[in-house]
């Protein structure tokens, strides 16, 4: 993986999500919660939540990063008559 992808995942999963959860927690404890701050917190949590949901929905053993089917190795050409090429 490239360094910027790792950095984005770290920011998305730790910093943005943590900040969003912290803002929600502060608003839950506030005497008068601010709807704008709650919306900002949900926007901060959304990228990590979307990533988690796509990982869960993609099923076991599959990665959301790469969805290409595995390639089979090329097969050897067969000779007429069912023989094999035994030169050498």
N, C-alpha and C. Protein backbone atom coordinates (compact mmCIF):
# COMPACT_ATOMS: atom_id res chain seq x y z
N UNK A 1 0.83 -1.18 0.00
CA UNK A 1 0.00 0.00 0.00
C UNK A 1 0.88 1.25 0.00
N UNK A 2 0.41 2.27 -0.62
CA UNK A 2 1.15 3.53 -0.66
C UNK A 2 1.04 4.22 0.70
N UNK A 3 2.01 5.09 0.99
CA UNK A 3 2.05 5.77 2.28
C UNK A 3 0.85 6.69 2.47
N UNK A 4 0.37 7.31 1.41
CA UNK A 4 -0.77 8.22 1.57
C UNK A 4 -2.06 7.46 1.84
N UNK A 5 -2.18 6.22 1.34
CA UNK A 5 -3.35 5.42 1.66
C UNK A 5 -3.34 5.01 3.13
N UNK A 6 -2.17 4.67 3.63
CA UNK A 6 -2.05 4.32 5.05
C UNK A 6 -2.34 5.54 5.91
N UNK A 7 -1.85 6.70 5.51
CA UNK A 7 -2.10 7.92 6.25
C UNK A 7 -3.59 8.26 6.26
N UNK A 8 -4.27 8.11 5.10
CA UNK A 8 -5.70 8.39 5.03
C UNK A 8 -6.49 7.42 5.92
N UNK A 9 -6.13 6.13 5.90
CA UNK A 9 -6.83 5.17 6.74
C UNK A 9 -6.63 5.48 8.22
N UNK A 10 -5.42 5.90 8.59
CA UNK A 10 -5.15 6.27 9.98
C UNK A 10 -5.98 7.49 10.38
N UNK A 11 -6.03 8.49 9.52
CA UNK A 11 -6.82 9.68 9.82
C UNK A 11 -8.30 9.33 9.90
N UNK A 12 -8.78 8.54 8.93
CA UNK A 12 -10.20 8.18 8.87
C UNK A 12 -10.62 7.36 10.07
N UNK A 13 -9.84 6.33 10.40
CA UNK A 13 -10.25 5.39 11.42
C UNK A 13 -9.96 5.85 12.84
N UNK A 14 -8.95 6.69 13.02
CA UNK A 14 -8.57 7.09 14.37
C UNK A 14 -8.94 8.55 14.65
N UNK A 15 -8.38 9.46 13.87
CA UNK A 15 -8.57 10.88 14.17
C UNK A 15 -9.99 11.37 13.93
N UNK A 16 -10.51 11.17 12.71
CA UNK A 16 -11.85 11.67 12.40
C UNK A 16 -12.92 10.97 13.23
N UNK A 17 -12.82 9.65 13.34
CA UNK A 17 -13.82 8.91 14.09
C UNK A 17 -13.74 9.26 15.58
N UNK A 18 -12.54 9.35 16.11
CA UNK A 18 -12.38 9.72 17.51
C UNK A 18 -12.91 11.11 17.80
N UNK A 19 -12.63 12.05 16.91
CA UNK A 19 -13.14 13.41 17.08
C UNK A 19 -14.66 13.43 17.02
N UNK A 20 -15.23 12.70 16.07
CA UNK A 20 -16.68 12.65 15.95
C UNK A 20 -17.34 12.05 17.18
N UNK A 21 -16.78 10.98 17.70
CA UNK A 21 -17.34 10.35 18.89
C UNK A 21 -17.21 11.29 20.09
N UNK A 22 -16.08 11.98 20.19
CA UNK A 22 -15.88 12.93 21.30
C UNK A 22 -16.91 14.06 21.24
N UNK A 23 -17.17 14.60 20.04
CA UNK A 23 -18.14 15.68 19.90
C UNK A 23 -19.54 15.18 20.26
N UNK A 24 -19.90 13.99 19.81
CA UNK A 24 -21.21 13.43 20.15
C UNK A 24 -21.33 13.25 21.66
N UNK A 25 -20.28 12.73 22.28
CA UNK A 25 -20.32 12.52 23.73
C UNK A 25 -20.50 13.85 24.47
N UNK A 26 -19.77 14.87 24.03
CA UNK A 26 -19.90 16.19 24.66
C UNK A 26 -21.31 16.76 24.48
N UNK A 27 -21.92 16.49 23.33
CA UNK A 27 -23.26 17.01 23.08
C UNK A 27 -24.31 16.24 23.88
N UNK A 28 -24.06 14.96 24.11
CA UNK A 28 -24.98 14.17 24.93
C UNK A 28 -24.99 14.72 26.36
N UNK A 29 -23.83 15.12 26.86
CA UNK A 29 -23.74 15.63 28.22
C UNK A 29 -24.12 17.10 28.34
N UNK A 30 -24.24 17.80 27.23
CA UNK A 30 -24.55 19.23 27.26
C UNK A 30 -26.01 19.46 27.67
N UNK A 31 -26.26 20.55 28.42
CA UNK A 31 -27.65 20.85 28.79
C UNK A 31 -28.52 21.20 27.58
N UNK A 32 -27.94 21.85 26.58
CA UNK A 32 -28.65 22.17 25.34
C UNK A 32 -27.78 21.74 24.15
N UNK A 33 -27.96 20.52 23.62
CA UNK A 33 -27.13 20.05 22.51
C UNK A 33 -27.29 20.92 21.26
N UNK A 34 -26.19 21.07 20.55
CA UNK A 34 -26.16 21.86 19.32
C UNK A 34 -26.30 20.92 18.12
N UNK A 35 -27.33 21.11 17.33
CA UNK A 35 -27.58 20.25 16.17
C UNK A 35 -26.49 20.34 15.11
N UNK A 36 -25.91 21.52 14.96
CA UNK A 36 -24.84 21.70 13.97
C UNK A 36 -23.61 20.88 14.35
N UNK A 37 -23.25 20.91 15.63
CA UNK A 37 -22.10 20.11 16.07
C UNK A 37 -22.36 18.62 15.93
N UNK A 38 -23.59 18.20 16.17
CA UNK A 38 -23.92 16.78 15.99
C UNK A 38 -23.81 16.39 14.51
N UNK A 39 -24.23 17.28 13.61
CA UNK A 39 -24.10 17.00 12.17
C UNK A 39 -22.64 16.91 11.77
N UNK A 40 -21.80 17.80 12.29
CA UNK A 40 -20.37 17.75 12.00
C UNK A 40 -19.77 16.44 12.51
N UNK A 41 -20.19 16.02 13.68
CA UNK A 41 -19.68 14.77 14.24
C UNK A 41 -20.07 13.58 13.38
N UNK A 42 -21.30 13.57 12.89
CA UNK A 42 -21.73 12.47 12.01
C UNK A 42 -20.97 12.47 10.70
N UNK A 43 -20.65 13.65 10.18
CA UNK A 43 -19.85 13.74 8.95
C UNK A 43 -18.44 13.19 9.21
N UNK A 44 -17.90 13.42 10.39
CA UNK A 44 -16.57 12.89 10.73
C UNK A 44 -16.57 11.38 10.85
N UNK A 45 -17.67 10.81 11.31
CA UNK A 45 -17.76 9.37 11.51
C UNK A 45 -18.11 8.63 10.22
N UNK A 46 -18.74 9.31 9.27
CA UNK A 46 -19.27 8.67 8.07
C UNK A 46 -18.24 7.88 7.24
N UNK A 47 -17.02 8.39 6.96
CA UNK A 47 -16.09 7.60 6.14
C UNK A 47 -15.70 6.26 6.76
N UNK A 48 -15.46 6.24 8.06
CA UNK A 48 -15.10 4.98 8.71
C UNK A 48 -16.30 4.04 8.76
N UNK A 49 -17.48 4.60 8.98
CA UNK A 49 -18.68 3.77 9.01
C UNK A 49 -18.94 3.14 7.65
N UNK A 50 -18.77 3.93 6.58
CA UNK A 50 -18.99 3.39 5.23
C UNK A 50 -17.99 2.28 4.93
N UNK A 51 -16.75 2.47 5.33
CA UNK A 51 -15.73 1.44 5.11
C UNK A 51 -16.08 0.16 5.87
N UNK A 52 -16.54 0.31 7.10
CA UNK A 52 -16.90 -0.86 7.90
C UNK A 52 -18.10 -1.59 7.31
N UNK A 53 -19.09 -0.85 6.85
CA UNK A 53 -20.29 -1.47 6.27
C UNK A 53 -19.94 -2.21 4.98
N UNK A 54 -19.12 -1.62 4.12
CA UNK A 54 -18.76 -2.31 2.88
C UNK A 54 -17.92 -3.56 3.16
N UNK A 55 -17.10 -3.52 4.19
CA UNK A 55 -16.32 -4.70 4.55
C UNK A 55 -17.24 -5.81 5.05
N UNK A 56 -18.22 -5.46 5.85
CA UNK A 56 -19.15 -6.47 6.37
C UNK A 56 -20.02 -7.04 5.24
N UNK A 57 -20.50 -6.17 4.36
CA UNK A 57 -21.39 -6.63 3.29
C UNK A 57 -20.67 -7.40 2.19
N UNK A 58 -19.36 -7.21 2.06
CA UNK A 58 -18.63 -7.92 1.00
C UNK A 58 -18.45 -9.39 1.32
N UNK A 59 -18.62 -9.78 2.56
CA UNK A 59 -18.56 -11.19 2.93
C UNK A 59 -17.19 -11.60 3.42
N UNK A 60 -17.11 -12.80 3.99
CA UNK A 60 -15.84 -13.28 4.54
C UNK A 60 -14.84 -13.61 3.44
N UNK A 61 -13.58 -13.32 3.71
CA UNK A 61 -12.52 -13.70 2.80
C UNK A 61 -12.34 -12.78 1.61
N UNK A 62 -13.12 -11.74 1.50
CA UNK A 62 -12.93 -10.81 0.39
C UNK A 62 -12.54 -9.45 0.92
N UNK A 63 -11.77 -8.76 0.15
CA UNK A 63 -11.29 -7.45 0.56
C UNK A 63 -12.00 -6.38 -0.23
N UNK A 64 -12.35 -5.28 0.40
CA UNK A 64 -13.01 -4.19 -0.31
C UNK A 64 -12.01 -3.41 -1.15
N UNK A 65 -10.72 -3.57 -0.88
CA UNK A 65 -9.70 -2.86 -1.62
C UNK A 65 -9.51 -3.44 -3.03
N UNK A 66 -9.49 -4.77 -3.15
CA UNK A 66 -9.27 -5.39 -4.46
C UNK A 66 -10.39 -6.39 -4.74
N UNK A 67 -11.13 -6.15 -5.78
CA UNK A 67 -12.25 -7.04 -6.11
C UNK A 67 -12.03 -7.75 -7.44
N UNK A 68 -10.80 -7.82 -7.92
CA UNK A 68 -10.51 -8.51 -9.16
C UNK A 68 -10.42 -10.01 -8.89
N UNK A 69 -10.98 -10.84 -9.77
CA UNK A 69 -10.86 -12.28 -9.57
C UNK A 69 -9.41 -12.72 -9.78
N UNK A 70 -8.97 -13.76 -9.06
CA UNK A 70 -7.60 -14.23 -9.24
C UNK A 70 -7.39 -14.78 -10.65
N UNK A 71 -6.20 -14.54 -11.19
CA UNK A 71 -5.90 -15.00 -12.53
C UNK A 71 -5.27 -16.39 -12.46
N UNK A 72 -5.65 -17.25 -13.42
CA UNK A 72 -5.08 -18.58 -13.50
C UNK A 72 -3.78 -18.53 -14.30
N UNK A 73 -2.82 -19.37 -13.97
CA UNK A 73 -1.58 -19.39 -14.76
C UNK A 73 -1.87 -19.88 -16.17
N UNK A 74 -1.10 -19.42 -17.15
CA UNK A 74 -1.34 -19.87 -18.52
C UNK A 74 -1.07 -21.37 -18.65
N UNK A 75 -1.90 -22.05 -19.43
CA UNK A 75 -1.73 -23.48 -19.61
C UNK A 75 -0.74 -23.74 -20.76
N UNK A 76 -0.09 -24.89 -20.69
CA UNK A 76 0.86 -25.28 -21.74
C UNK A 76 0.09 -25.79 -22.96
N UNK A 77 0.54 -25.46 -24.14
CA UNK A 77 -0.16 -25.96 -25.33
C UNK A 77 0.04 -27.47 -25.47
N UNK A 78 -1.00 -28.15 -25.87
CA UNK A 78 -0.91 -29.60 -26.06
C UNK A 78 -0.56 -29.90 -27.52
N UNK A 79 0.18 -30.96 -27.72
CA UNK A 79 0.58 -31.37 -29.06
C UNK A 79 -0.48 -32.30 -29.64
N UNK A 80 -0.59 -32.36 -30.97
CA UNK A 80 -1.56 -33.28 -31.57
C UNK A 80 -1.23 -34.73 -31.21
N UNK A 81 -2.22 -35.51 -30.99
CA UNK A 81 -2.02 -36.92 -30.66
C UNK A 81 -1.88 -37.16 -29.17
N UNK A 82 -2.03 -36.12 -28.33
CA UNK A 82 -1.99 -36.29 -26.88
C UNK A 82 -0.59 -36.43 -26.33
N UNK A 83 0.44 -36.27 -27.14
CA UNK A 83 1.81 -36.38 -26.65
C UNK A 83 2.28 -35.08 -26.03
N UNK A 84 3.42 -35.17 -25.43
CA UNK A 84 4.03 -33.99 -24.83
C UNK A 84 5.31 -33.69 -25.58
N UNK A 85 5.74 -32.49 -25.48
CA UNK A 85 6.96 -32.06 -26.15
C UNK A 85 8.16 -32.42 -25.28
N UNK A 86 8.96 -33.44 -25.71
CA UNK A 86 10.10 -33.90 -24.92
C UNK A 86 11.39 -33.68 -25.69
N UNK A 87 11.61 -32.44 -26.05
CA UNK A 87 12.87 -32.14 -26.75
C UNK A 87 13.98 -31.97 -25.73
N UNK A 88 15.19 -32.19 -26.19
CA UNK A 88 16.27 -31.88 -25.31
C UNK A 88 17.35 -32.80 -25.34
